[in-house]
Amino acid sequence: MIPNWSAIEASFLNQPHPQQLGELAASLARLKSWCQKNASRELVPVLLSENLLYVNLLQQKSQSNHTELTQLQNLLEDWQQNWVNIYDNPTKTASLAAAAATWSERVLKMSGLLSTAVM
């Protein structure tokens, strides 16, 4: 099944900025999870595309050049271009999962959603 990218984009753009960052963090966490389980040759590229879409939309909306998002974008593009080689190497797949987890945490912190949650 091919994702409806225009519907995903519209839904994403209708969210407030902190929720957009939260959505990106969740997508990165899904990427990590799928790479830790059984890296799916077909699903991981879709998740990489989803993450790239979110990063691109965040960068378009942002007035300033967000260095961290640019770093994440470059990493996601590299993973996407090299997925066939990463998939065939369990060490590289584990490294991708670990990096996705780290980025998920960073983006979630950037969102401020955890600091505004009611305890």
C-alpha atoms as a PDB file:
ATOM      1  CA  MET A   1       0.000   0.000   0.000  1.00  0.00           C
ATOM      2  CA  ILE A   2       1.366   3.379  -1.024  1.00  0.00           C
ATOM      3  CA  PRO A   3       0.909   6.125   1.598  1.00  0.00           C
ATOM      4  CA  ASN A   4      -1.286   9.093   0.752  1.00  0.00           C
ATOM      5  CA  TRP A   5       1.471  11.681   1.248  1.00  0.00           C
ATOM      6  CA  SER A   6      -0.802  14.661   0.580  1.00  0.00           C
ATOM      7  CA  ALA A   7      -3.205  13.559   3.328  1.00  0.00           C
ATOM      8  CA  ILE A   8      -0.286  12.954   5.710  1.00  0.00           C
ATOM      9  CA  GLU A   9       1.135  16.384   4.869  1.00  0.00           C
ATOM     10  CA  ALA A  10      -2.222  18.119   5.397  1.00  0.00           C
ATOM     11  CA  SER A  11      -2.766  16.390   8.738  1.00  0.00           C
ATOM     12  CA  PHE A  12       0.747  17.287   9.870  1.00  0.00           C
ATOM     13  CA  LEU A  13       0.415  20.946   8.862  1.00  0.00           C
ATOM     14  CA  ASN A  14      -2.847  21.285  10.810  1.00  0.00           C
ATOM     15  CA  GLN A  15      -1.077  20.493  14.075  1.00  0.00           C
ATOM     16  CA  PRO A  16       0.583  23.088  16.342  1.00  0.00           C
ATOM     17  CA  HIS A  17       4.391  23.199  16.106  1.00  0.00           C
ATOM     18  CA  PRO A  18       5.024  21.238  19.358  1.00  0.00           C
ATOM     19  CA  GLN A  19       2.715  18.444  18.156  1.00  0.00           C
ATOM     20  CA  GLN A  20       4.473  18.427  14.773  1.00  0.00           C
ATOM     21  CA  LEU A  21       7.775  17.844  16.548  1.00  0.00           C
ATOM     22  CA  GLY A  22       6.067  15.175  18.658  1.00  0.00           C
ATOM     23  CA  GLU A  23       4.829  13.475  15.487  1.00  0.00           C
ATOM     24  CA  LEU A  24       8.369  13.509  14.078  1.00  0.00           C
ATOM     25  CA  ALA A  25       9.683  12.040  17.348  1.00  0.00           C
ATOM     26  CA  ALA A  26       7.045   9.290  17.205  1.00  0.00           C
ATOM     27  CA  SER A  27       7.910   8.503  13.599  1.00  0.00           C
ATOM     28  CA  LEU A  28      11.592   8.245  14.512  1.00  0.00           C
ATOM     29  CA  ALA A  29      10.651   5.904  17.369  1.00  0.00           C
ATOM     30  CA  ARG A  30       8.699   3.709  14.908  1.00  0.00           C
ATOM     31  CA  LEU A  31      11.767   3.652  12.665  1.00  0.00           C
ATOM     32  CA  LYS A  32      13.896   2.509  15.599  1.00  0.00           C
ATOM     33  CA  SER A  33      11.376  -0.159  16.544  1.00  0.00           C
ATOM     34  CA  TRP A  34      11.152  -1.622  13.043  1.00  0.00           C
ATOM     35  CA  CYS A  35      14.931  -1.692  12.725  1.00  0.00           C
ATOM     36  CA  GLN A  36      15.279  -3.470  16.072  1.00  0.00           C
ATOM     37  CA  LYS A  37      12.647  -6.107  15.284  1.00  0.00           C
ATOM     38  CA  ASN A  38      13.013  -7.340  11.767  1.00  0.00           C
ATOM     39  CA  ALA A  39      14.192  -4.516   9.609  1.00  0.00           C
ATOM     40  CA  SER A  40      11.585  -4.632   6.887  1.00  0.00           C
ATOM     41  CA  ARG A  41      13.099  -4.080   3.472  1.00  0.00           C
ATOM     42  CA  GLU A  42       9.814  -2.492   2.312  1.00  0.00           C
ATOM     43  CA  LEU A  43       8.560  -0.659   5.415  1.00  0.00           C
ATOM     44  CA  VAL A  44      11.715   1.100   6.599  1.00  0.00           C
ATOM     45  CA  PRO A  45      12.047   3.133   3.358  1.00  0.00           C
ATOM     46  CA  VAL A  46       8.440   4.304   3.838  1.00  0.00           C
ATOM     47  CA  LEU A  47       9.258   5.373   7.409  1.00  0.00           C
ATOM     48  CA  LEU A  48      12.375   7.152   6.171  1.00  0.00           C
ATOM     49  CA  SER A  49      10.259   9.007   3.596  1.00  0.00           C
ATOM     50  CA  GLU A  50       7.730   9.937   6.282  1.00  0.00           C
ATOM     51  CA  ASN A  51      10.466  11.306   8.528  1.00  0.00           C
ATOM     52  CA  LEU A  52      11.985  13.269   5.650  1.00  0.00           C
ATOM     53  CA  LEU A  53       8.575  14.724   4.806  1.00  0.00           C
ATOM     54  CA  TYR A  54       8.109  15.879   8.411  1.00  0.00           C
ATOM     55  CA  VAL A  55      11.591  17.402   8.587  1.00  0.00           C
ATOM     56  CA  ASN A  56      11.105  19.198   5.258  1.00  0.00           C
ATOM     57  CA  LEU A  57       7.743  20.592   6.355  1.00  0.00           C
ATOM     58  CA  LEU A  58       9.204  21.772   9.664  1.00  0.00           C
ATOM     59  CA  GLN A  59      12.085  23.463   7.878  1.00  0.00           C
ATOM     60  CA  GLN A  60       9.737  25.202   5.412  1.00  0.00           C
ATOM     61  CA  LYS A  61       7.616  26.497   8.278  1.00  0.00           C
ATOM     62  CA  SER A  62      10.601  27.655  10.328  1.00  0.00           C
ATOM     63  CA  GLN A  63      11.867  31.178   9.727  1.00  0.00           C
ATOM     64  CA  SER A  64      15.424  30.326  10.752  1.00  0.00           C
ATOM     65  CA  ASN A  65      17.734  27.580   9.569  1.00  0.00           C
ATOM     66  CA  HIS A  66      17.411  24.938  12.252  1.00  0.00           C
ATOM     67  CA  THR A  67      20.818  23.237  12.396  1.00  0.00           C
ATOM     68  CA  GLU A  68      19.574  20.167  14.239  1.00  0.00           C
ATOM     69  CA  LEU A  69      16.819  19.530  11.705  1.00  0.00           C
ATOM     70  CA  THR A  70      19.325  19.942   8.875  1.00  0.00           C
ATOM     71  CA  GLN A  71      21.593  17.366  10.529  1.00  0.00           C
ATOM     72  CA  LEU A  72      18.654  14.989  10.902  1.00  0.00           C
ATOM     73  CA  GLN A  73      17.604  15.569   7.300  1.00  0.00           C
ATOM     74  CA  ASN A  74      21.111  14.724   6.050  1.00  0.00           C
ATOM     75  CA  LEU A  75      21.179  11.559   8.154  1.00  0.00           C
ATOM     76  CA  LEU A  76      17.746  10.432   6.949  1.00  0.00           C
ATOM     77  CA  GLU A  77      18.722  11.067   3.327  1.00  0.00           C
ATOM     78  CA  ASP A  78      21.898   9.032   3.799  1.00  0.00           C
ATOM     79  CA  TRP A  79      19.952   6.147   5.341  1.00  0.00           C
ATOM     80  CA  GLN A  80      17.413   6.296   2.535  1.00  0.00           C
ATOM     81  CA  GLN A  81      20.073   6.238  -0.194  1.00  0.00           C
ATOM     82  CA  ASN A  82      22.009   3.416   1.478  1.00  0.00           C
ATOM     83  CA  TRP A  83      19.121   1.337   2.814  1.00  0.00           C
ATOM     84  CA  VAL A  84      19.933  -1.717   0.680  1.00  0.00           C
ATOM     85  CA  ASN A  85      23.451  -1.864   2.165  1.00  0.00           C
ATOM     86  CA  ILE A  86      22.222  -1.096   5.678  1.00  0.00           C
ATOM     87  CA  TYR A  87      19.527  -3.785   5.481  1.00  0.00           C
ATOM     88  CA  ASP A  88      22.074  -6.467   4.634  1.00  0.00           C
ATOM     89  CA  ASN A  89      24.292  -5.552   7.602  1.00  0.00           C
ATOM     90  CA  PRO A  90      22.913  -6.223  11.128  1.00  0.00           C
ATOM     91  CA  THR A  91      25.513  -3.918  12.693  1.00  0.00           C
ATOM     92  CA  LYS A  92      24.488  -1.023  10.443  1.00  0.00           C
ATOM     93  CA  THR A  93      20.799  -1.738  11.077  1.00  0.00           C
ATOM     94  CA  ALA A  94      21.410  -1.671  14.840  1.00  0.00           C
ATOM     95  CA  SER A  95      23.349   1.574  14.454  1.00  0.00           C
ATOM     96  CA  LEU A  96      20.470   3.118  12.500  1.00  0.00           C
ATOM     97  CA  ALA A  97      18.030   2.028  15.236  1.00  0.00           C
ATOM     98  CA  ALA A  98      20.207   3.544  17.971  1.00  0.00           C
ATOM     99  CA  ALA A  99      20.610   6.821  16.089  1.00  0.00           C
ATOM    100  CA  ALA A 100      16.856   6.999  15.383  1.00  0.00           C
ATOM    101  CA  ALA A 101      16.184   6.505  19.111  1.00  0.00           C
ATOM    102  CA  THR A 102      18.614   9.289  20.026  1.00  0.00           C
ATOM    103  CA  TRP A 103      17.058  11.641  17.491  1.00  0.00           C
ATOM    104  CA  SER A 104      13.560  10.747  18.669  1.00  0.00           C
ATOM    105  CA  GLU A 105      14.502  11.799  22.203  1.00  0.00           C
ATOM    106  CA  ARG A 106      16.175  15.009  20.974  1.00  0.00           C
ATOM    107  CA  VAL A 107      13.180  16.023  18.876  1.00  0.00           C
ATOM    108  CA  LEU A 108      10.771  15.223  21.708  1.00  0.00           C
ATOM    109  CA  LYS A 109      12.799  17.500  24.000  1.00  0.00           C
ATOM    110  CA  MET A 110      12.761  20.221  21.318  1.00  0.00           C
ATOM    111  CA  SER A 111       8.961  19.965  21.209  1.00  0.00           C
ATOM    112  CA  GLY A 112       8.572  20.927  24.858  1.00  0.00           C
ATOM    113  CA  LEU A 113       5.716  18.451  25.147  1.00  0.00           C
ATOM    114  CA  LEU A 114       7.284  16.639  28.095  1.00  0.00           C
ATOM    115  CA  SER A 115       7.854  19.818  30.089  1.00  0.00           C
ATOM    116  CA  THR A 116       4.254  20.965  29.610  1.00  0.00           C
ATOM    117  CA  ALA A 117       2.694  17.615  30.512  1.00  0.00           C
ATOM    118  CA  VAL A 118       0.620  17.536  33.682  1.00  0.00           C
ATOM    119  CA  MET A 119       2.159  15.261  36.257  1.00  0.00           C
END
